[in-house]
Amino acid sequence: MAGIGPGAPGYARLRVSPSLGTLKTLDATAATPRGPVKVSYRVAGGKLGALIERPAGLPGEFVWRGRSYPLDRERTELVLDSD
């Protein structure tokens, strides 16, 4: 559901691609070889609020509804259409 996984072998890259279904909120943490990755999702008013925290030096992307968004900071906040 939280969608935290490797984007390349050995977690050389991070890929976050949630599948929330009917959930309106979700908080999760996953251990990776480079350290913990934390996500927090909130759906309200037709929008998805996503907060992704990742270790420094772990490049990654957030994928939502077929579009990719770079995770270019250790803490990335996104607000996207939920539909």
PDB file of N, CA and C in Angstrom:
ATOM      1  N   MET A   1       0.809  -1.200   0.000  1.00  0.00           N
ATOM      2  CA  MET A   1       0.000   0.000   0.000  1.00  0.00           C
ATOM      3  C   MET A   1       0.850   1.260   0.000  1.00  0.00           C
ATOM      4  N   ALA A   2       1.871   1.294   0.847  1.00  0.00           N
ATOM      5  CA  ALA A   2       2.704   2.486   0.960  1.00  0.00           C
ATOM      6  C   ALA A   2       3.592   2.667  -0.258  1.00  0.00           C
ATOM      7  N   GLY A   3       3.922   1.578  -0.943  1.00  0.00           N
ATOM      8  CA  GLY A   3       4.642   1.666  -2.204  1.00  0.00           C
ATOM      9  C   GLY A   3       6.130   1.925  -2.107  1.00  0.00           C
ATOM     10  N   ILE A   4       6.742   1.677  -0.966  1.00  0.00           N
ATOM     11  CA  ILE A   4       8.173   1.909  -0.808  1.00  0.00           C
ATOM     12  C   ILE A   4       8.921   0.687  -1.340  1.00  0.00           C
ATOM     13  N   GLY A   5       9.827   0.897  -2.290  1.00  0.00           N
ATOM     14  CA  GLY A   5      10.570  -0.227  -2.840  1.00  0.00           C
ATOM     15  C   GLY A   5      11.791   0.231  -3.605  1.00  0.00           C
ATOM     16  N   PRO A   6      12.601  -0.723  -4.044  1.00  0.00           N
ATOM     17  CA  PRO A   6      13.797  -0.361  -4.804  1.00  0.00           C
ATOM     18  C   PRO A   6      13.441   0.084  -6.220  1.00  0.00           C
ATOM     19  N   GLY A   7      14.143   1.096  -6.688  1.00  0.00           N
ATOM     20  CA  GLY A   7      13.997   1.545  -8.069  1.00  0.00           C
ATOM     21  C   GLY A   7      15.112   1.006  -8.934  1.00  0.00           C
ATOM     22  N   ALA A   8      16.087   0.359  -8.286  1.00  0.00           N
ATOM     23  CA  ALA A   8      17.218  -0.277  -8.952  1.00  0.00           C
ATOM     24  C   ALA A   8      17.759  -1.343  -7.999  1.00  0.00           C
ATOM     25  N   PRO A   9      18.476  -2.324  -8.517  1.00  0.00           N
ATOM     26  CA  PRO A   9      18.993  -3.385  -7.657  1.00  0.00           C
ATOM     27  C   PRO A   9      19.786  -2.851  -6.464  1.00  0.00           C
ATOM     28  N   GLY A  10      19.575  -3.507  -5.318  1.00  0.00           N
ATOM     29  CA  GLY A  10      20.305  -3.133  -4.110  1.00  0.00           C
ATOM     30  C   GLY A  10      19.938  -1.769  -3.553  1.00  0.00           C
ATOM     31  N   TYR A  11      18.777  -1.257  -3.911  1.00  0.00           N
ATOM     32  CA  TYR A  11      18.345   0.075  -3.481  1.00  0.00           C
ATOM     33  C   TYR A  11      19.338   1.155  -3.908  1.00  0.00           C
ATOM     34  N   ALA A  12      19.912   1.011  -5.115  1.00  0.00           N
ATOM     35  CA  ALA A  12      20.735   2.086  -5.656  1.00  0.00           C
ATOM     36  C   ALA A  12      19.869   3.310  -5.902  1.00  0.00           C
ATOM     37  N   ARG A  13      18.589   3.080  -6.124  1.00  0.00           N
ATOM     38  CA  ARG A  13      17.572   4.140  -6.249  1.00  0.00           C
ATOM     39  C   ARG A  13      16.336   3.701  -5.473  1.00  0.00           C
ATOM     40  N   LEU A  14      15.556   4.673  -5.053  1.00  0.00           N
ATOM     41  CA  LEU A  14      14.299   4.443  -4.346  1.00  0.00           C
ATOM     42  C   LEU A  14      13.136   4.709  -5.294  1.00  0.00           C
ATOM     43  N   ARG A  15      12.106   3.900  -5.180  1.00  0.00           N
ATOM     44  CA  ARG A  15      10.861   4.147  -5.923  1.00  0.00           C
ATOM     45  C   ARG A  15       9.720   4.069  -4.929  1.00  0.00           C
ATOM     46  N   VAL A  16       8.929   5.128  -4.878  1.00  0.00           N
ATOM     47  CA  VAL A  16       7.756   5.181  -4.006  1.00  0.00           C
ATOM     48  C   VAL A  16       6.538   5.303  -4.914  1.00  0.00           C
ATOM     49  N   SER A  17       5.690   4.288  -4.880  1.00  0.00           N
ATOM     50  CA  SER A  17       4.525   4.234  -5.761  1.00  0.00           C
ATOM     51  C   SER A  17       3.333   3.670  -4.983  1.00  0.00           C
ATOM     52  N   PRO A  18       2.623   4.528  -4.240  1.00  0.00           N
ATOM     53  CA  PRO A  18       1.550   4.029  -3.375  1.00  0.00           C
ATOM     54  C   PRO A  18       0.323   3.540  -4.140  1.00  0.00           C
ATOM     55  N   SER A  19      -0.382   2.613  -3.506  1.00  0.00           N
ATOM     56  CA  SER A  19      -1.686   2.127  -3.974  1.00  0.00           C
ATOM     57  C   SER A  19      -2.626   2.226  -2.780  1.00  0.00           C
ATOM     58  N   LEU A  20      -3.255   3.365  -2.629  1.00  0.00           N
ATOM     59  CA  LEU A  20      -4.025   3.655  -1.421  1.00  0.00           C
ATOM     60  C   LEU A  20      -5.434   3.081  -1.417  1.00  0.00           C
ATOM     61  N   GLY A  21      -5.973   2.747  -2.572  1.00  0.00           N
ATOM     62  CA  GLY A  21      -7.350   2.249  -2.597  1.00  0.00           C
ATOM     63  C   GLY A  21      -8.290   3.277  -1.998  1.00  0.00           C
ATOM     64  N   THR A  22      -9.072   2.888  -1.000  1.00  0.00           N
ATOM     65  CA  THR A  22     -10.025   3.812  -0.375  1.00  0.00           C
ATOM     66  C   THR A  22      -9.472   4.479   0.892  1.00  0.00           C
ATOM     67  N   LEU A  23      -8.219   4.183   1.229  1.00  0.00           N
ATOM     68  CA  LEU A  23      -7.623   4.795   2.423  1.00  0.00           C
ATOM     69  C   LEU A  23      -7.517   6.308   2.267  1.00  0.00           C
ATOM     70  N   LYS A  24      -7.751   7.009   3.325  1.00  0.00           N
ATOM     71  CA  LYS A  24      -7.622   8.476   3.338  1.00  0.00           C
ATOM     72  C   LYS A  24      -6.329   8.925   4.004  1.00  0.00           C
ATOM     73  N   THR A  25      -5.762   8.075   4.854  1.00  0.00           N
ATOM     74  CA  THR A  25      -4.487   8.387   5.505  1.00  0.00           C
ATOM     75  C   THR A  25      -3.653   7.117   5.603  1.00  0.00           C
ATOM     76  N   LEU A  26      -2.348   7.295   5.539  1.00  0.00           N
ATOM     77  CA  LEU A  26      -1.437   6.177   5.707  1.00  0.00           C
ATOM     78  C   LEU A  26      -0.066   6.720   6.081  1.00  0.00           C
ATOM     79  N   ASP A  27       0.517   6.164   7.112  1.00  0.00           N
ATOM     80  CA  ASP A  27       1.882   6.463   7.527  1.00  0.00           C
ATOM     81  C   ASP A  27       2.640   5.148   7.548  1.00  0.00           C
ATOM     82  N   ALA A  28       3.851   5.135   7.014  1.00  0.00           N
ATOM     83  CA  ALA A  28       4.632   3.902   6.977  1.00  0.00           C
ATOM     84  C   ALA A  28       6.115   4.222   6.991  1.00  0.00           C
ATOM     85  N   THR A  29       6.882   3.274   7.486  1.00  0.00           N
ATOM     86  CA  THR A  29       8.340   3.344   7.470  1.00  0.00           C
ATOM     87  C   THR A  29       8.858   2.008   6.978  1.00  0.00           C
ATOM     88  N   ALA A  30       9.856   2.048   6.100  1.00  0.00           N
ATOM     89  CA  ALA A  30      10.471   0.826   5.595  1.00  0.00           C
ATOM     90  C   ALA A  30      11.981   0.923   5.763  1.00  0.00           C
ATOM     91  N   ALA A  31      12.577  -0.169   6.174  1.00  0.00           N
ATOM     92  CA  ALA A  31      14.033  -0.233   6.286  1.00  0.00           C
ATOM     93  C   ALA A  31      14.620  -0.485   4.899  1.00  0.00           C
ATOM     94  N   THR A  32      15.676   0.227   4.573  1.00  0.00           N
ATOM     95  CA  THR A  32      16.423  -0.015   3.339  1.00  0.00           C
ATOM     96  C   THR A  32      17.894  -0.166   3.723  1.00  0.00           C
ATOM     97  N   PRO A  33      18.722  -0.690   2.834  1.00  0.00           N
ATOM     98  CA  PRO A  33      20.143  -0.813   3.151  1.00  0.00           C
ATOM     99  C   PRO A  33      20.819   0.526   3.457  1.00  0.00           C
ATOM    100  N   ARG A  34      20.207   1.626   3.030  1.00  0.00           N
ATOM    101  CA  ARG A  34      20.787   2.960   3.254  1.00  0.00           C
ATOM    102  C   ARG A  34      20.133   3.709   4.411  1.00  0.00           C
ATOM    103  N   GLY A  35      19.174   3.071   5.067  1.00  0.00           N
ATOM    104  CA  GLY A  35      18.495   3.704   6.189  1.00  0.00           C
ATOM    105  C   GLY A  35      16.993   3.733   5.970  1.00  0.00           C
ATOM    106  N   PRO A  36      16.242   4.220   6.980  1.00  0.00           N
ATOM    107  CA  PRO A  36      14.780   4.193   6.888  1.00  0.00           C
ATOM    108  C   PRO A  36      14.219   5.205   5.892  1.00  0.00           C
ATOM    109  N   VAL A  37      13.121   4.794   5.268  1.00  0.00           N
ATOM    110  CA  VAL A  37      12.334   5.670   4.403  1.00  0.00           C
ATOM    111  C   VAL A  37      10.969   5.793   5.047  1.00  0.00           C
ATOM    112  N   LYS A  38      10.515   7.033   5.250  1.00  0.00           N
ATOM    113  CA  LYS A  38       9.218   7.283   5.882  1.00  0.00           C
ATOM    114  C   LYS A  38       8.312   7.982   4.891  1.00  0.00           C
ATOM    115  N   VAL A  39       7.035   7.565   4.885  1.00  0.00           N
ATOM    116  CA  VAL A  39       6.035   8.214   4.049  1.00  0.00           C
ATOM    117  C   VAL A  39       4.801   8.529   4.880  1.00  0.00           C
ATOM    118  N   SER A  40       4.133   9.577   4.484  1.00  0.00           N
ATOM    119  CA  SER A  40       2.865   9.967   5.100  1.00  0.00           C
ATOM    120  C   SER A  40       1.959  10.465   3.983  1.00  0.00           C
ATOM    121  N   TYR A  41       0.773   9.872   3.879  1.00  0.00           N
ATOM    122  CA  TYR A  41      -0.177  10.250   2.832  1.00  0.00           C
ATOM    123  C   TYR A  41      -1.482  10.726   3.460  1.00  0.00           C
ATOM    124  N   ARG A  42      -2.072  11.754   2.870  1.00  0.00           N
ATOM    125  CA  ARG A  42      -3.374  12.269   3.277  1.00  0.00           C
ATOM    126  C   ARG A  42      -4.167  12.588   2.014  1.00  0.00           C
ATOM    127  N   VAL A  43      -5.388  12.086   1.931  1.00  0.00           N
ATOM    128  CA  VAL A  43      -6.267  12.372   0.807  1.00  0.00           C
ATOM    129  C   VAL A  43      -7.451  13.185   1.329  1.00  0.00           C
ATOM    130  N   ALA A  44      -7.659  14.357   0.748  1.00  0.00           N
ATOM    131  CA  ALA A  44      -8.779  15.221   1.135  1.00  0.00           C
ATOM    132  C   ALA A  44      -9.036  16.227   0.015  1.00  0.00           C
ATOM    133  N   GLY A  45     -10.284  16.520  -0.217  1.00  0.00           N
ATOM    134  CA  GLY A  45     -10.650  17.538  -1.198  1.00  0.00           C
ATOM    135  C   GLY A  45     -10.131  17.263  -2.594  1.00  0.00           C
ATOM    136  N   GLY A  46     -10.061  15.988  -2.980  1.00  0.00           N
ATOM    137  CA  GLY A  46      -9.587  15.642  -4.314  1.00  0.00           C
ATOM    138  C   GLY A  46      -8.091  15.747  -4.489  1.00  0.00           C
ATOM    139  N   LYS A  47      -7.351  15.909  -3.398  1.00  0.00           N
ATOM    140  CA  LYS A  47      -5.895  16.051  -3.450  1.00  0.00           C
ATOM    141  C   LYS A  47      -5.208  14.991  -2.599  1.00  0.00           C
ATOM    142  N   LEU A  48      -4.032  14.570  -3.037  1.00  0.00           N
ATOM    143  CA  LEU A  48      -3.163  13.702  -2.262  1.00  0.00           C
ATOM    144  C   LEU A  48      -2.024  14.549  -1.727  1.00  0.00           C
ATOM    145  N   GLY A  49      -1.865  14.566  -0.427  1.00  0.00           N
ATOM    146  CA  GLY A  49      -0.696  15.171   0.187  1.00  0.00           C
ATOM    147  C   GLY A  49       0.264  14.051   0.536  1.00  0.00           C
ATOM    148  N   ALA A  50       1.487  14.135   0.051  1.00  0.00           N
ATOM    149  CA  ALA A  50       2.486  13.096   0.299  1.00  0.00           C
ATOM    150  C   ALA A  50       3.744  13.728   0.876  1.00  0.00           C
ATOM    151  N   LEU A  51       4.227  13.157   1.962  1.00  0.00           N
ATOM    152  CA  LEU A  51       5.489  13.554   2.564  1.00  0.00           C
ATOM    153  C   LEU A  51       6.397  12.338   2.533  1.00  0.00           C
ATOM    154  N   ILE A  52       7.553  12.471   1.899  1.00  0.00           N
ATOM    155  CA  ILE A  52       8.502  11.374   1.781  1.00  0.00           C
ATOM    156  C   ILE A  52       9.823  11.823   2.393  1.00  0.00           C
ATOM    157  N   GLU A  53      10.320  11.051   3.356  1.00  0.00           N
ATOM    158  CA  GLU A  53      11.611  11.328   3.976  1.00  0.00           C
ATOM    159  C   GLU A  53      12.528  10.155   3.679  1.00  0.00           C
ATOM    160  N   ARG A  54      13.721  10.446   3.158  1.00  0.00           N
ATOM    161  CA  ARG A  54      14.647   9.402   2.745  1.00  0.00           C
ATOM    162  C   ARG A  54      16.060   9.763   3.174  1.00  0.00           C
ATOM    163  N   PRO A  55      16.939   8.772   3.263  1.00  0.00           N
ATOM    164  CA  PRO A  55      18.320   9.046   3.637  1.00  0.00           C
ATOM    165  C   PRO A  55      19.040   9.897   2.586  1.00  0.00           C
ATOM    166  N   ALA A  56      19.971  10.714   3.040  1.00  0.00           N
ATOM    167  CA  ALA A  56      20.802  11.488   2.113  1.00  0.00           C
ATOM    168  C   ALA A  56      21.571  10.517   1.224  1.00  0.00           C
ATOM    169  N   GLY A  57      21.720  10.857  -0.014  1.00  0.00           N
ATOM    170  CA  GLY A  57      22.479  10.017  -0.923  1.00  0.00           C
ATOM    171  C   GLY A  57      21.695   8.866  -1.527  1.00  0.00           C
ATOM    172  N   LEU A  58      20.402   8.785  -1.249  1.00  0.00           N
ATOM    173  CA  LEU A  58      19.549   7.758  -1.857  1.00  0.00           C
ATOM    174  C   LEU A  58      18.632   8.459  -2.863  1.00  0.00           C
ATOM    175  N   PRO A  59      19.010   8.463  -4.143  1.00  0.00           N
ATOM    176  CA  PRO A  59      18.162   9.124  -5.134  1.00  0.00           C
ATOM    177  C   PRO A  59      16.858   8.359  -5.310  1.00  0.00           C
ATOM    178  N   GLY A  60      15.832   9.060  -5.766  1.00  0.00           N
ATOM    179  CA  GLY A  60      14.579   8.355  -5.942  1.00  0.00           C
ATOM    180  C   GLY A  60      13.537   9.122  -6.704  1.00  0.00           C
ATOM    181  N   GLU A  61      12.387   8.454  -6.835  1.00  0.00           N
ATOM    182  CA  GLU A  61      11.250   9.048  -7.525  1.00  0.00           C
ATOM    183  C   GLU A  61       9.962   8.634  -6.825  1.00  0.00           C
ATOM    184  N   PHE A  62       8.955   9.493  -6.956  1.00  0.00           N
ATOM    185  CA  PHE A  62       7.609   9.224  -6.474  1.00  0.00           C
ATOM    186  C   PHE A  62       6.747   9.053  -7.713  1.00  0.00           C
ATOM    187  N   VAL A  63       6.022   7.955  -7.786  1.00  0.00           N
ATOM    188  CA  VAL A  63       5.191   7.678  -8.953  1.00  0.00           C
ATOM    189  C   VAL A  63       3.729   7.677  -8.516  1.00  0.00           C
ATOM    190  N   TRP A  64       2.917   8.504  -9.189  1.00  0.00           N
ATOM    191  CA  TRP A  64       1.498   8.617  -8.871  1.00  0.00           C
ATOM    192  C   TRP A  64       0.717   8.784 -10.158  1.00  0.00           C
ATOM    193  N   ARG A  65      -0.252   7.915 -10.347  1.00  0.00           N
ATOM    194  CA  ARG A  65      -1.143   7.967 -11.512  1.00  0.00           C
ATOM    195  C   ARG A  65      -0.360   8.006 -12.826  1.00  0.00           C
ATOM    196  N   GLY A  66       0.724   7.220 -12.903  1.00  0.00           N
ATOM    197  CA  GLY A  66       1.498   7.113 -14.131  1.00  0.00           C
ATOM    198  C   GLY A  66       2.506   8.224 -14.363  1.00  0.00           C
ATOM    199  N   ARG A  67       2.607   9.164 -13.437  1.00  0.00           N
ATOM    200  CA  ARG A  67       3.579  10.262 -13.577  1.00  0.00           C
ATOM    201  C   ARG A  67       4.655  10.124 -12.520  1.00  0.00           C
ATOM    202  N   SER A  68       5.866  10.488 -12.896  1.00  0.00           N
ATOM    203  CA  SER A  68       7.005  10.379 -11.999  1.00  0.00           C
ATOM    204  C   SER A  68       7.445  11.763 -11.525  1.00  0.00           C
ATOM    205  N   TYR A  69       7.733  11.869 -10.236  1.00  0.00           N
ATOM    206  CA  TYR A  69       8.188  13.117  -9.627  1.00  0.00           C
ATOM    207  C   TYR A  69       9.512  12.832  -8.909  1.00  0.00           C
ATOM    208  N   PRO A  70      10.551  13.621  -9.185  1.00  0.00           N
ATOM    209  CA  PRO A  70      11.842  13.348  -8.555  1.00  0.00           C
ATOM    210  C   PRO A  70      11.814  13.632  -7.051  1.00  0.00           C
ATOM    211  N   LEU A  71      12.510  12.803  -6.309  1.00  0.00           N
ATOM    212  CA  LEU A  71      12.722  13.053  -4.883  1.00  0.00           C
ATOM    213  C   LEU A  71      14.116  13.662  -4.787  1.00  0.00           C
ATOM    214  N   ASP A  72      14.171  14.989  -4.861  1.00  0.00           N
ATOM    215  CA  ASP A  72      15.458  15.662  -4.954  1.00  0.00           C
ATOM    216  C   ASP A  72      15.940  16.247  -3.631  1.00  0.00           C
ATOM    217  N   ARG A  73      15.192  16.023  -2.569  1.00  0.00           N
ATOM    218  CA  ARG A  73      15.600  16.463  -1.236  1.00  0.00           C
ATOM    219  C   ARG A  73      15.386  15.304  -0.264  1.00  0.00           C
ATOM    220  N   GLU A  74      16.011  15.367   0.885  1.00  0.00           N
ATOM    221  CA  GLU A  74      15.812  14.316   1.887  1.00  0.00           C
ATOM    222  C   GLU A  74      14.366  14.290   2.376  1.00  0.00           C
ATOM    223  N   ARG A  75      13.715  15.432   2.350  1.00  0.00           N
ATOM    224  CA  ARG A  75      12.306  15.553   2.754  1.00  0.00           C
ATOM    225  C   ARG A  75      11.557  16.242   1.620  1.00  0.00           C
ATOM    226  N   THR A  76      10.663  15.504   0.984  1.00  0.00           N
ATOM    227  CA  THR A  76       9.909  16.027  -0.145  1.00  0.00           C
ATOM    228  C   THR A  76       8.420  16.027   0.177  1.00  0.00           C
ATOM    229  N   GLU A  77       7.780  17.161  -0.056  1.00  0.00           N
ATOM    230  CA  GLU A  77       6.325  17.261   0.130  1.00  0.00           C
ATOM    231  C   GLU A  77       5.695  17.524  -1.230  1.00  0.00           C
ATOM    232  N   LEU A  78       4.656  16.765  -1.536  1.00  0.00           N
ATOM    233  CA  LEU A  78       3.933  16.903  -2.801  1.00  0.00           C
ATOM    234  C   LEU A  78       2.439  17.044  -2.521  1.00  0.00           C
ATOM    235  N   VAL A  79       1.761  17.821  -3.345  1.00  0.00           N
ATOM    236  CA  VAL A  79       0.300  17.888  -3.333  1.00  0.00           C
ATOM    237  C   VAL A  79      -0.136  17.662  -4.779  1.00  0.00           C
ATOM    238  N   LEU A  80      -0.868  16.566  -4.985  1.00  0.00           N
ATOM    239  CA  LEU A  80      -1.251  16.138  -6.332  1.00  0.00           C
ATOM    240  C   LEU A  80      -2.730  15.799  -6.368  1.00  0.00           C
ATOM    241  N   ASP A  81      -3.304  15.819  -7.577  1.00  0.00           N
ATOM    242  CA  ASP A  81      -4.690  15.383  -7.724  1.00  0.00           C
ATOM    243  C   ASP A  81      -4.799  13.925  -7.323  1.00  0.00           C
ATOM    244  N   SER A  82      -5.822  13.597  -6.546  1.00  0.00           N
ATOM    245  CA  SER A  82      -5.982  12.203  -6.095  1.00  0.00           C
ATOM    246  C   SER A  82      -6.813  11.368  -7.057  1.00  0.00           C
ATOM    247  N   ASP A  83      -7.451  12.006  -8.015  1.00  0.00           N
ATOM    248  CA  ASP A  83      -8.286  11.264  -8.977  1.00  0.00           C
ATOM    249  C   ASP A  83      -7.559  11.002 -10.261  1.00  0.00           C
TER     250      ASP A  83
END
